[in-house]
Amino acid sequence: MSKNPNGFMSYVRFDDQHENGRLSQLCDRLSGEVRMKTGEEFHIFQGRNDIA
């Protein structure tokens, strides 16, 4: 996977926890869909812990 993200997903961590990880699933699915359409890796940065 590329080290340089193509996108950035910003959200409040509690929102993802409250929605049982659905925001994380959306991020993964979006990345996969773009890859299916383009054939290229599409890394979305998702700060799951802390943004340094």
C-alpha atoms as a PDB file:
ATOM      1  CA  MET A   1       0.000   0.000   0.000  1.00  0.00           C
ATOM      2  CA  SER A   2       1.204   3.489  -0.782  1.00  0.00           C
ATOM      3  CA  LYS A   3       2.719   5.431   2.100  1.00  0.00           C
ATOM      4  CA  ASN A   4       1.335   8.711   0.752  1.00  0.00           C
ATOM      5  CA  PRO A   5      -2.427   8.947   1.214  1.00  0.00           C
ATOM      6  CA  ASN A   6      -4.682   9.955  -1.650  1.00  0.00           C
ATOM      7  CA  GLY A   7      -7.423  11.064   0.724  1.00  0.00           C
ATOM      8  CA  PHE A   8      -8.082  12.000   4.325  1.00  0.00           C
ATOM      9  CA  MET A   9     -11.061  10.957   6.418  1.00  0.00           C
ATOM     10  CA  SER A  10     -11.886  13.261   9.298  1.00  0.00           C
ATOM     11  CA  TYR A  11     -14.372  12.230  11.973  1.00  0.00           C
ATOM     12  CA  VAL A  12     -14.819  12.041  15.712  1.00  0.00           C
ATOM     13  CA  ARG A  13     -13.603   8.666  16.992  1.00  0.00           C
ATOM     14  CA  PHE A  14     -16.666   8.292  19.221  1.00  0.00           C
ATOM     15  CA  ASP A  15     -18.874   8.509  16.112  1.00  0.00           C
ATOM     16  CA  ASP A  16     -17.130   5.458  14.636  1.00  0.00           C
ATOM     17  CA  GLN A  17     -17.368   3.583  17.939  1.00  0.00           C
ATOM     18  CA  HIS A  18     -21.037   4.507  18.313  1.00  0.00           C
ATOM     19  CA  GLU A  19     -21.761   3.264  14.794  1.00  0.00           C
ATOM     20  CA  ASN A  20     -19.963  -0.058  15.394  1.00  0.00           C
ATOM     21  CA  GLY A  21     -17.081   0.814  13.062  1.00  0.00           C
ATOM     22  CA  ARG A  22     -19.243   1.803  10.091  1.00  0.00           C
ATOM     23  CA  LEU A  23     -17.127   4.872   9.310  1.00  0.00           C
ATOM     24  CA  SER A  24     -14.016   2.675   9.174  1.00  0.00           C
ATOM     25  CA  GLN A  25     -15.896   0.244   6.931  1.00  0.00           C
ATOM     26  CA  LEU A  26     -16.903   3.131   4.638  1.00  0.00           C
ATOM     27  CA  CYS A  27     -13.278   4.215   4.372  1.00  0.00           C
ATOM     28  CA  ASP A  28     -12.175   0.673   3.464  1.00  0.00           C
ATOM     29  CA  ARG A  29     -14.969   0.223   0.921  1.00  0.00           C
ATOM     30  CA  LEU A  30     -14.313   3.574  -0.735  1.00  0.00           C
ATOM     31  CA  SER A  31     -10.631   2.747  -1.060  1.00  0.00           C
ATOM     32  CA  GLY A  32     -11.488  -0.645  -2.562  1.00  0.00           C
ATOM     33  CA  GLU A  33     -14.053   0.767  -4.997  1.00  0.00           C
ATOM     34  CA  VAL A  34     -11.600   3.344  -6.340  1.00  0.00           C
ATOM     35  CA  ARG A  35      -9.003   0.605  -6.759  1.00  0.00           C
ATOM     36  CA  MET A  36     -11.504  -1.596  -8.630  1.00  0.00           C
ATOM     37  CA  LYS A  37     -12.338   1.263 -11.021  1.00  0.00           C
ATOM     38  CA  THR A  38      -8.784   2.511 -11.614  1.00  0.00           C
ATOM     39  CA  GLY A  39      -6.561  -0.476 -10.882  1.00  0.00           C
ATOM     40  CA  GLU A  40      -4.459   1.775  -8.670  1.00  0.00           C
ATOM     41  CA  GLU A  41      -3.978   1.771  -4.900  1.00  0.00           C
ATOM     42  CA  PHE A  42      -6.052   4.484  -3.229  1.00  0.00           C
ATOM     43  CA  HIS A  43      -4.940   4.953   0.352  1.00  0.00           C
ATOM     44  CA  ILE A  44      -7.184   7.043   2.600  1.00  0.00           C
ATOM     45  CA  PHE A  45      -5.529   8.307   5.764  1.00  0.00           C
ATOM     46  CA  GLN A  46      -7.751   7.566   8.724  1.00  0.00           C
ATOM     47  CA  GLY A  47      -6.415   8.716  12.076  1.00  0.00           C
ATOM     48  CA  ARG A  48      -7.695   5.806  14.158  1.00  0.00           C
ATOM     49  CA  ASN A  49      -5.641   6.719  17.229  1.00  0.00           C
ATOM     50  CA  ASP A  50      -4.220  10.228  17.213  1.00  0.00           C
ATOM     51  CA  ILE A  51      -3.114  12.620  14.553  1.00  0.00           C
ATOM     52  CA  ALA A  52       0.435  13.604  15.398  1.00  0.00           C
END
